[in-house]
Amino acid sequence: MPWLEREPGSLYYEVTDLTPPWVENPGTVVFCHGVSTTHGIWSTWLPVLADQYRLVRFDTRGFGLSTAPGAGFPWTLDLLVEDVLAVARAAGAETFHLVGESLGGTVALALAITHGDSLDSLTVCSAAHRGGSIQRAGEWRAYIEQHGMEAWSRMMMDLRFHDSGVPAPVAEWFHREQAATSADSTLDLADLLLSTDLTAMLPRITVPTLILAPNASPFISLEVFLEMHRHIPHSELQVFADARHGLVCSHGATCAQTLKQFLARRRLHASG
């Protein structure tokens, strides 16, 4: 299991390379997940993309098998951007396609703004560019302090998925992963998100950009996704019906196919 030492602590990542030998110079896709999830959230994307791309998943700092820094850690968006770049370099990718969801999508936007020359494309899922537009997250601290992470996770499942939105084993796995995550990381990163506003910098994004939006996220309104689309030059927006905030899990294969078609249209198969 690959580990990348990144002070303080380490990041866990996995490289899946099933590309056949006749695919020359396959591109690399790096996946960056959001608050209180883990790299497993991308599992149903892999079969769709693995015939053409090297796939790199990692546990965002604070979650899963990566180090959780604890209370009082000085989180910054720049640190999370550098984590993504470090994972990509460790996986041997000079440039790469970046897919980020929720917090990971906000990190991906920041990376595209500051390190656009590292990207072949950008895909943003269920993510906001300005934290003031995110609903409900400000209520988490009081709820978790009173009820704990297990009860918070139960509450969050209804916000991430419609009833029967995912098969029962998937829902059970998701709840277990979410309930086991660090409360400090969850709350401190929610605060970081709420204080972020990238609006004025979005026009600096010049890489081909795909925005994947659930039609019924309780956290981010469709207007926010439309605003992002208007500000990022030549971006494409795909809205998914019957989807809440957990779009990349509930509609993973469909999202992956949408990305694959986007990259084919933009002729973005190969990367460095």
C-alpha atoms as a PDB file:
ATOM      1  CA  MET A   1       0.000   0.000   0.000  1.00  0.00           C
ATOM      2  CA  PRO A   2       1.656   3.269  -1.091  1.00  0.00           C
ATOM      3  CA  TRP A   3       2.115   5.985   1.499  1.00  0.00           C
ATOM      4  CA  LEU A   4       3.370   9.480   0.845  1.00  0.00           C
ATOM      5  CA  GLU A   5       5.070  11.316   3.700  1.00  0.00           C
ATOM      6  CA  ARG A   6       3.716  14.858   3.881  1.00  0.00           C
ATOM      7  CA  GLU A   7       4.353  16.802   7.068  1.00  0.00           C
ATOM      8  CA  PRO A   8       2.650  16.476   9.384  1.00  0.00           C
ATOM      9  CA  GLY A   9       1.855  12.828   8.768  1.00  0.00           C
ATOM     10  CA  SER A  10       1.244  10.824   5.613  1.00  0.00           C
ATOM     11  CA  LEU A  11      -1.198  10.415   2.747  1.00  0.00           C
ATOM     12  CA  TYR A  12      -2.519   7.056   1.567  1.00  0.00           C
ATOM     13  CA  TYR A  13      -2.943   6.607  -2.183  1.00  0.00           C
ATOM     14  CA  GLU A  14      -3.579   3.866  -4.733  1.00  0.00           C
ATOM     15  CA  VAL A  15      -2.674   3.634  -8.427  1.00  0.00           C
ATOM     16  CA  THR A  16      -4.871   1.462 -10.653  1.00  0.00           C
ATOM     17  CA  ASP A  17      -3.283   0.828 -14.052  1.00  0.00           C
ATOM     18  CA  LEU A  18      -5.166  -1.708 -16.163  1.00  0.00           C
ATOM     19  CA  THR A  19      -4.599  -0.018 -19.499  1.00  0.00           C
ATOM     20  CA  PRO A  20      -3.842  -2.534 -22.255  1.00  0.00           C
ATOM     21  CA  PRO A  21      -0.411  -2.423 -23.871  1.00  0.00           C
ATOM     22  CA  TRP A  22      -1.736  -0.953 -27.111  1.00  0.00           C
ATOM     23  CA  VAL A  23      -2.865   2.238 -25.360  1.00  0.00           C
ATOM     24  CA  GLU A  24       0.152   4.492 -25.810  1.00  0.00           C
ATOM     25  CA  ASN A  25       0.888   7.143 -23.192  1.00  0.00           C
ATOM     26  CA  PRO A  26      -2.356   6.717 -21.246  1.00  0.00           C
ATOM     27  CA  GLY A  27      -3.496   9.795 -19.378  1.00  0.00           C
ATOM     28  CA  THR A  28      -3.639   9.866 -15.592  1.00  0.00           C
ATOM     29  CA  VAL A  29      -6.785  10.747 -13.656  1.00  0.00           C
ATOM     30  CA  VAL A  30      -6.356  11.886 -10.039  1.00  0.00           C
ATOM     31  CA  PHE A  31      -9.442  11.776  -7.796  1.00  0.00           C
ATOM     32  CA  CYS A  32      -9.892  14.054  -4.761  1.00  0.00           C
ATOM     33  CA  HIS A  33     -12.847  13.378  -2.439  1.00  0.00           C
ATOM     34  CA  GLY A  34     -14.679  15.616   0.008  1.00  0.00           C
ATOM     35  CA  VAL A  35     -15.368  15.895   3.726  1.00  0.00           C
ATOM     36  CA  SER A  36     -15.792  12.674   5.736  1.00  0.00           C
ATOM     37  CA  THR A  37     -15.472  10.261   2.828  1.00  0.00           C
ATOM     38  CA  THR A  38     -12.571   8.132   1.556  1.00  0.00           C
ATOM     39  CA  HIS A  39     -10.998   7.041  -1.724  1.00  0.00           C
ATOM     40  CA  GLY A  40     -13.520   4.187  -1.999  1.00  0.00           C
ATOM     41  CA  ILE A  41     -16.196   6.679  -3.062  1.00  0.00           C
ATOM     42  CA  TRP A  42     -14.767   6.489  -6.605  1.00  0.00           C
ATOM     43  CA  SER A  43     -14.989   2.692  -6.956  1.00  0.00           C
ATOM     44  CA  THR A  44     -17.710   2.583  -9.622  1.00  0.00           C
ATOM     45  CA  TRP A  45     -15.789   5.061 -11.786  1.00  0.00           C
ATOM     46  CA  LEU A  46     -12.878   2.679 -12.243  1.00  0.00           C
ATOM     47  CA  PRO A  47     -14.369   0.067 -14.607  1.00  0.00           C
ATOM     48  CA  VAL A  48     -15.516   2.816 -16.988  1.00  0.00           C
ATOM     49  CA  LEU A  49     -12.168   4.601 -17.204  1.00  0.00           C
ATOM     50  CA  ALA A  50      -9.586   1.876 -16.628  1.00  0.00           C
ATOM     51  CA  ASP A  51      -9.294   0.844 -20.278  1.00  0.00           C
ATOM     52  CA  GLN A  52      -7.813   4.223 -21.252  1.00  0.00           C
ATOM     53  CA  TYR A  53      -6.469   5.915 -18.118  1.00  0.00           C
ATOM     54  CA  ARG A  54      -4.209   5.352 -15.149  1.00  0.00           C
ATOM     55  CA  LEU A  55      -6.343   6.053 -12.069  1.00  0.00           C
ATOM     56  CA  VAL A  56      -5.009   7.555  -8.850  1.00  0.00           C
ATOM     57  CA  ARG A  57      -7.151   7.752  -5.714  1.00  0.00           C
ATOM     58  CA  PHE A  58      -6.053   8.983  -2.308  1.00  0.00           C
ATOM     59  CA  ASP A  59      -7.505   9.668   1.108  1.00  0.00           C
ATOM     60  CA  THR A  60      -7.660  13.411   1.666  1.00  0.00           C
ATOM     61  CA  ARG A  61      -5.608  14.564   4.634  1.00  0.00           C
ATOM     62  CA  GLY A  62      -7.705  14.069   7.760  1.00  0.00           C
ATOM     63  CA  PHE A  63      -9.718  11.103   6.472  1.00  0.00           C
ATOM     64  CA  GLY A  64      -9.487   7.391   5.780  1.00  0.00           C
ATOM     65  CA  LEU A  65      -5.975   5.959   6.049  1.00  0.00           C
ATOM     66  CA  SER A  66      -4.301   9.360   5.759  1.00  0.00           C
ATOM     67  CA  THR A  67      -3.181  11.200   8.879  1.00  0.00           C
ATOM     68  CA  ALA A  68      -5.800  13.156  10.825  1.00  0.00           C
ATOM     69  CA  PRO A  69      -3.915  16.141  12.284  1.00  0.00           C
ATOM     70  CA  GLY A  70      -6.258  16.761  15.237  1.00  0.00           C
ATOM     71  CA  ALA A  71      -7.784  19.827  16.810  1.00  0.00           C
ATOM     72  CA  GLY A  72      -6.223  23.201  16.150  1.00  0.00           C
ATOM     73  CA  PHE A  73      -4.461  22.210  12.923  1.00  0.00           C
ATOM     74  CA  PRO A  74      -3.918  25.234  10.628  1.00  0.00           C
ATOM     75  CA  TRP A  75      -5.791  24.003   7.562  1.00  0.00           C
ATOM     76  CA  THR A  76      -5.357  25.977   4.333  1.00  0.00           C
ATOM     77  CA  LEU A  77      -6.535  25.500   0.778  1.00  0.00           C
ATOM     78  CA  ASP A  78      -2.924  25.822  -0.371  1.00  0.00           C
ATOM     79  CA  LEU A  79      -1.911  22.825   1.766  1.00  0.00           C
ATOM     80  CA  LEU A  80      -4.668  20.676   0.239  1.00  0.00           C
ATOM     81  CA  VAL A  81      -3.648  21.786  -3.257  1.00  0.00           C
ATOM     82  CA  GLU A  82      -0.040  20.814  -2.535  1.00  0.00           C
ATOM     83  CA  ASP A  83      -1.245  17.426  -1.261  1.00  0.00           C
ATOM     84  CA  VAL A  84      -2.916  16.722  -4.611  1.00  0.00           C
ATOM     85  CA  LEU A  85       0.177  17.784  -6.551  1.00  0.00           C
ATOM     86  CA  ALA A  86       2.400  15.645  -4.331  1.00  0.00           C
ATOM     87  CA  VAL A  87       0.223  12.568  -4.876  1.00  0.00           C
ATOM     88  CA  ALA A  88       0.249  13.119  -8.647  1.00  0.00           C
ATOM     89  CA  ARG A  89       4.052  13.427  -8.647  1.00  0.00           C
ATOM     90  CA  ALA A  90       4.394  10.298  -6.487  1.00  0.00           C
ATOM     91  CA  ALA A  91       2.235   8.451  -9.039  1.00  0.00           C
ATOM     92  CA  GLY A  92       4.557   9.574 -11.837  1.00  0.00           C
ATOM     93  CA  ALA A  93       2.242  12.074 -13.548  1.00  0.00           C
ATOM     94  CA  GLU A  94       3.752  15.336 -14.783  1.00  0.00           C
ATOM     95  CA  THR A  95       0.298  16.481 -15.861  1.00  0.00           C
ATOM     96  CA  PHE A  96      -3.041  14.866 -15.118  1.00  0.00           C
ATOM     97  CA  HIS A  97      -6.814  15.026 -15.322  1.00  0.00           C
ATOM     98  CA  LEU A  98      -8.185  16.108 -11.941  1.00  0.00           C
ATOM     99  CA  VAL A  99     -11.601  15.074 -10.592  1.00  0.00           C
ATOM    100  CA  GLY A 100     -12.747  16.597  -7.303  1.00  0.00           C
ATOM    101  CA  GLU A 101     -15.993  16.259  -5.392  1.00  0.00           C
ATOM    102  CA  SER A 102     -17.426  18.534  -2.673  1.00  0.00           C
ATOM    103  CA  LEU A 103     -14.410  19.842  -0.691  1.00  0.00           C
ATOM    104  CA  GLY A 104     -12.205  18.062  -3.220  1.00  0.00           C
ATOM    105  CA  GLY A 105     -13.917  20.009  -5.983  1.00  0.00           C
ATOM    106  CA  THR A 106     -13.158  23.316  -4.275  1.00  0.00           C
ATOM    107  CA  VAL A 107      -9.534  22.197  -3.877  1.00  0.00           C
ATOM    108  CA  ALA A 108      -9.510  21.239  -7.565  1.00  0.00           C
ATOM    109  CA  LEU A 109     -10.746  24.708  -8.547  1.00  0.00           C
ATOM    110  CA  ALA A 110      -7.991  26.303  -6.461  1.00  0.00           C
ATOM    111  CA  LEU A 111      -5.382  24.044  -8.062  1.00  0.00           C
ATOM    112  CA  ALA A 112      -6.611  24.916 -11.554  1.00  0.00           C
ATOM    113  CA  ILE A 113      -6.343  28.614 -10.679  1.00  0.00           C
ATOM    114  CA  THR A 114      -2.819  28.444  -9.262  1.00  0.00           C
ATOM    115  CA  HIS A 115      -1.263  25.454 -11.065  1.00  0.00           C
ATOM    116  CA  GLY A 116      -3.218  25.180 -14.298  1.00  0.00           C
ATOM    117  CA  ASP A 117      -0.134  24.052 -16.197  1.00  0.00           C
ATOM    118  CA  SER A 118      -0.217  20.817 -14.169  1.00  0.00           C
ATOM    119  CA  LEU A 119      -3.662  19.866 -15.478  1.00  0.00           C
ATOM    120  CA  ASP A 120      -4.887  18.286 -18.691  1.00  0.00           C
ATOM    121  CA  SER A 121      -8.499  18.808 -17.609  1.00  0.00           C
ATOM    122  CA  LEU A 122     -10.628  19.628 -14.566  1.00  0.00           C
ATOM    123  CA  THR A 123     -13.834  17.950 -13.419  1.00  0.00           C
ATOM    124  CA  VAL A 124     -15.761  19.395 -10.477  1.00  0.00           C
ATOM    125  CA  CYS A 125     -18.586  17.416  -8.836  1.00  0.00           C
ATOM    126  CA  SER A 126     -21.065  18.618  -6.175  1.00  0.00           C
ATOM    127  CA  ALA A 127     -18.726  21.483  -5.271  1.00  0.00           C
ATOM    128  CA  ALA A 128     -19.028  25.199  -4.578  1.00  0.00           C
ATOM    129  CA  HIS A 129     -16.608  27.979  -5.443  1.00  0.00           C
ATOM    130  CA  ARG A 130     -17.851  30.254  -2.641  1.00  0.00           C
ATOM    131  CA  GLY A 131     -18.432  28.903   0.831  1.00  0.00           C
ATOM    132  CA  GLY A 132     -21.063  31.449   1.738  1.00  0.00           C
ATOM    133  CA  SER A 133     -23.402  29.673  -0.683  1.00  0.00           C
ATOM    134  CA  ILE A 134     -23.105  26.315   1.133  1.00  0.00           C
ATOM    135  CA  GLN A 135     -26.159  25.570   3.227  1.00  0.00           C
ATOM    136  CA  ARG A 136     -26.427  23.561   6.476  1.00  0.00           C
ATOM    137  CA  ALA A 137     -22.682  22.979   7.053  1.00  0.00           C
ATOM    138  CA  GLY A 138     -22.604  25.758   9.639  1.00  0.00           C
ATOM    139  CA  GLU A 139     -24.919  23.654  11.806  1.00  0.00           C
ATOM    140  CA  TRP A 140     -22.592  20.657  12.013  1.00  0.00           C
ATOM    141  CA  ARG A 141     -20.423  21.685  14.953  1.00  0.00           C
ATOM    142  CA  ALA A 142     -23.281  22.004  17.423  1.00  0.00           C
ATOM    143  CA  TYR A 143     -24.900  18.805  16.141  1.00  0.00           C
ATOM    144  CA  ILE A 144     -21.716  16.725  16.394  1.00  0.00           C
ATOM    145  CA  GLU A 145     -20.837  18.121  19.818  1.00  0.00           C
ATOM    146  CA  GLN A 146     -24.294  17.133  21.068  1.00  0.00           C
ATOM    147  CA  HIS A 147     -24.909  13.844  19.244  1.00  0.00           C
ATOM    148  CA  GLY A 148     -21.547  12.505  17.976  1.00  0.00           C
ATOM    149  CA  MET A 149     -20.294  11.356  14.595  1.00  0.00           C
ATOM    150  CA  GLU A 150     -22.475   8.252  14.278  1.00  0.00           C
ATOM    151  CA  ALA A 151     -25.707  10.245  14.636  1.00  0.00           C
ATOM    152  CA  TRP A 152     -24.329  12.980  12.359  1.00  0.00           C
ATOM    153  CA  SER A 153     -23.556  10.384   9.709  1.00  0.00           C
ATOM    154  CA  ARG A 154     -27.085   8.959   9.936  1.00  0.00           C
ATOM    155  CA  MET A 155     -28.469  12.452   9.457  1.00  0.00           C
ATOM    156  CA  MET A 156     -26.119  13.083   6.526  1.00  0.00           C
ATOM    157  CA  MET A 157     -27.168   9.941   4.647  1.00  0.00           C
ATOM    158  CA  ASP A 158     -30.558  11.504   3.854  1.00  0.00           C
ATOM    159  CA  LEU A 159     -28.781  14.597   2.537  1.00  0.00           C
ATOM    160  CA  ARG A 160     -26.340  12.666   0.397  1.00  0.00           C
ATOM    161  CA  PHE A 161     -28.797  10.219  -1.179  1.00  0.00           C
ATOM    162  CA  HIS A 162     -32.472   9.907  -2.039  1.00  0.00           C
ATOM    163  CA  ASP A 163     -34.306   6.941  -0.505  1.00  0.00           C
ATOM    164  CA  SER A 164     -33.023   3.832  -2.279  1.00  0.00           C
ATOM    165  CA  GLY A 165     -30.560   6.098  -4.108  1.00  0.00           C
ATOM    166  CA  VAL A 166     -27.815   3.528  -3.601  1.00  0.00           C
ATOM    167  CA  PRO A 167     -27.956  -0.224  -2.906  1.00  0.00           C
ATOM    168  CA  ALA A 168     -28.093  -1.174   0.769  1.00  0.00           C
ATOM    169  CA  PRO A 169     -24.495  -2.524   0.943  1.00  0.00           C
ATOM    170  CA  VAL A 170     -23.195   0.740  -0.547  1.00  0.00           C
ATOM    171  CA  ALA A 171     -25.206   2.821   1.919  1.00  0.00           C
ATOM    172  CA  GLU A 172     -23.974   0.712   4.839  1.00  0.00           C
ATOM    173  CA  TRP A 173     -20.349   1.082   3.701  1.00  0.00           C
ATOM    174  CA  PHE A 174     -20.735   4.812   3.207  1.00  0.00           C
ATOM    175  CA  HIS A 175     -22.220   5.276   6.674  1.00  0.00           C
ATOM    176  CA  ARG A 176     -19.444   3.245   8.305  1.00  0.00           C
ATOM    177  CA  GLU A 177     -16.734   5.249   6.549  1.00  0.00           C
ATOM    178  CA  GLN A 178     -18.395   8.574   7.317  1.00  0.00           C
ATOM    179  CA  ALA A 179     -19.123   7.795  10.977  1.00  0.00           C
ATOM    180  CA  ALA A 180     -15.524   6.677  11.554  1.00  0.00           C
ATOM    181  CA  THR A 181     -13.941   9.900  10.318  1.00  0.00           C
ATOM    182  CA  SER A 182     -12.340  12.542  12.498  1.00  0.00           C
ATOM    183  CA  ALA A 183     -14.773  15.091  13.942  1.00  0.00           C
ATOM    184  CA  ASP A 184     -11.962  17.651  14.107  1.00  0.00           C
ATOM    185  CA  SER A 185     -11.110  17.219  10.420  1.00  0.00           C
ATOM    186  CA  THR A 186     -14.777  17.287   9.437  1.00  0.00           C
ATOM    187  CA  LEU A 187     -15.583  20.467  11.341  1.00  0.00           C
ATOM    188  CA  ASP A 188     -12.361  22.366  10.669  1.00  0.00           C
ATOM    189  CA  LEU A 189     -12.515  21.663   6.935  1.00  0.00           C
ATOM    190  CA  ALA A 190     -16.181  22.668   6.853  1.00  0.00           C
ATOM    191  CA  ASP A 191     -15.116  25.975   8.404  1.00  0.00           C
ATOM    192  CA  LEU A 192     -12.381  26.335   5.768  1.00  0.00           C
ATOM    193  CA  LEU A 193     -14.931  25.742   3.019  1.00  0.00           C
ATOM    194  CA  LEU A 194     -17.362  28.260   4.446  1.00  0.00           C
ATOM    195  CA  SER A 195     -14.650  30.933   4.484  1.00  0.00           C
ATOM    196  CA  THR A 196     -13.528  30.333   0.877  1.00  0.00           C
ATOM    197  CA  ASP A 197     -14.524  32.499  -2.084  1.00  0.00           C
ATOM    198  CA  LEU A 198     -12.871  31.797  -5.450  1.00  0.00           C
ATOM    199  CA  THR A 199     -15.414  33.684  -7.557  1.00  0.00           C
ATOM    200  CA  ALA A 200     -13.127  36.465  -8.764  1.00  0.00           C
ATOM    201  CA  MET A 201     -10.420  33.963  -9.758  1.00  0.00           C
ATOM    202  CA  LEU A 202     -12.565  31.482 -11.719  1.00  0.00           C
ATOM    203  CA  PRO A 203     -11.956  33.247 -15.078  1.00  0.00           C
ATOM    204  CA  ARG A 204      -8.258  32.353 -14.668  1.00  0.00           C
ATOM    205  CA  ILE A 205      -9.096  28.681 -15.238  1.00  0.00           C
ATOM    206  CA  THR A 206      -8.109  27.893 -18.801  1.00  0.00           C
ATOM    207  CA  VAL A 207      -8.018  24.076 -18.786  1.00  0.00           C
ATOM    208  CA  PRO A 208     -11.014  22.211 -20.231  1.00  0.00           C
ATOM    209  CA  THR A 209     -13.519  22.037 -17.373  1.00  0.00           C
ATOM    210  CA  LEU A 210     -16.516  19.778 -16.772  1.00  0.00           C
ATOM    211  CA  ILE A 211     -18.985  20.580 -13.972  1.00  0.00           C
ATOM    212  CA  LEU A 212     -21.117  17.679 -12.716  1.00  0.00           C
ATOM    213  CA  ALA A 213     -24.062  18.902 -10.657  1.00  0.00           C
ATOM    214  CA  PRO A 214     -26.788  17.068  -8.729  1.00  0.00           C
ATOM    215  CA  ASN A 215     -30.202  18.614  -9.263  1.00  0.00           C
ATOM    216  CA  ALA A 216     -31.156  18.365  -5.583  1.00  0.00           C
ATOM    217  CA  SER A 217     -28.121  18.880  -3.341  1.00  0.00           C
ATOM    218  CA  PRO A 218     -29.306  20.161   0.062  1.00  0.00           C
ATOM    219  CA  PHE A 219     -25.994  22.027   0.333  1.00  0.00           C
ATOM    220  CA  ILE A 220     -25.439  23.678  -3.045  1.00  0.00           C
ATOM    221  CA  SER A 221     -28.175  25.181  -5.214  1.00  0.00           C
ATOM    222  CA  LEU A 222     -28.274  24.840  -8.980  1.00  0.00           C
ATOM    223  CA  GLU A 223     -27.691  28.590  -9.228  1.00  0.00           C
ATOM    224  CA  VAL A 224     -24.235  28.105  -7.704  1.00  0.00           C
ATOM    225  CA  PHE A 225     -23.318  25.555 -10.367  1.00  0.00           C
ATOM    226  CA  LEU A 226     -24.673  27.848 -13.078  1.00  0.00           C
ATOM    227  CA  GLU A 227     -22.635  30.742 -11.682  1.00  0.00           C
ATOM    228  CA  MET A 228     -19.494  28.604 -11.736  1.00  0.00           C
ATOM    229  CA  HIS A 229     -20.240  27.621 -15.326  1.00  0.00           C
ATOM    230  CA  ARG A 230     -20.637  31.271 -16.339  1.00  0.00           C
ATOM    231  CA  HIS A 231     -17.332  32.268 -14.748  1.00  0.00           C
ATOM    232  CA  ILE A 232     -15.106  29.458 -16.088  1.00  0.00           C
ATOM    233  CA  PRO A 233     -14.379  30.036 -19.780  1.00  0.00           C
ATOM    234  CA  HIS A 234     -15.588  27.303 -22.151  1.00  0.00           C
ATOM    235  CA  SER A 235     -16.679  25.016 -19.306  1.00  0.00           C
ATOM    236  CA  GLU A 236     -19.403  22.392 -19.736  1.00  0.00           C
ATOM    237  CA  LEU A 237     -22.181  21.731 -17.212  1.00  0.00           C
ATOM    238  CA  GLN A 238     -24.058  18.452 -16.801  1.00  0.00           C
ATOM    239  CA  VAL A 239     -26.960  18.332 -14.322  1.00  0.00           C
ATOM    240  CA  PHE A 240     -28.099  14.929 -13.025  1.00  0.00           C
ATOM    241  CA  ALA A 241     -31.718  14.253 -12.130  1.00  0.00           C
ATOM    242  CA  ASP A 242     -32.664  12.362  -8.958  1.00  0.00           C
ATOM    243  CA  ALA A 243     -29.307  13.152  -7.370  1.00  0.00           C
ATOM    244  CA  ARG A 244     -28.373  14.663  -4.032  1.00  0.00           C
ATOM    245  CA  HIS A 245     -24.947  15.658  -2.756  1.00  0.00           C
ATOM    246  CA  GLY A 246     -23.510  12.115  -2.984  1.00  0.00           C
ATOM    247  CA  LEU A 247     -23.668  12.229  -6.784  1.00  0.00           C
ATOM    248  CA  VAL A 248     -20.260  10.646  -7.395  1.00  0.00           C
ATOM    249  CA  CYS A 249     -21.309   7.564  -5.410  1.00  0.00           C
ATOM    250  CA  SER A 250     -24.978   7.230  -6.399  1.00  0.00           C
ATOM    251  CA  HIS A 251     -24.306   7.966 -10.106  1.00  0.00           C
ATOM    252  CA  GLY A 252     -20.653   6.961 -10.298  1.00  0.00           C
ATOM    253  CA  ALA A 253     -20.670   4.947 -13.525  1.00  0.00           C
ATOM    254  CA  THR A 254     -22.803   7.551 -15.308  1.00  0.00           C
ATOM    255  CA  CYS A 255     -20.537  10.375 -14.110  1.00  0.00           C
ATOM    256  CA  ALA A 256     -17.484   8.450 -15.295  1.00  0.00           C
ATOM    257  CA  GLN A 257     -19.039   7.869 -18.705  1.00  0.00           C
ATOM    258  CA  THR A 258     -19.857  11.581 -18.937  1.00  0.00           C
ATOM    259  CA  LEU A 259     -16.223  12.390 -18.169  1.00  0.00           C
ATOM    260  CA  LYS A 260     -14.960   9.856 -20.691  1.00  0.00           C
ATOM    261  CA  GLN A 261     -17.131  11.362 -23.413  1.00  0.00           C
ATOM    262  CA  PHE A 262     -16.035  14.885 -22.431  1.00  0.00           C
ATOM    263  CA  LEU A 263     -12.359  13.953 -22.724  1.00  0.00           C
ATOM    264  CA  ALA A 264     -12.983  12.263 -26.067  1.00  0.00           C
ATOM    265  CA  ARG A 265     -14.748  15.375 -27.394  1.00  0.00           C
ATOM    266  CA  ARG A 266     -11.902  17.552 -26.218  1.00  0.00           C
ATOM    267  CA  ARG A 267      -9.342  15.041 -27.502  1.00  0.00           C
ATOM    268  CA  LEU A 268      -7.712  14.888 -24.118  1.00  0.00           C
ATOM    269  CA  HIS A 269      -6.734  11.250 -23.929  1.00  0.00           C
ATOM    270  CA  ALA A 270      -2.985  11.527 -23.477  1.00  0.00           C
ATOM    271  CA  SER A 271      -1.069  13.368 -20.783  1.00  0.00           C
ATOM    272  CA  GLY A 272       2.527  13.735 -19.732  1.00  0.00           C
END
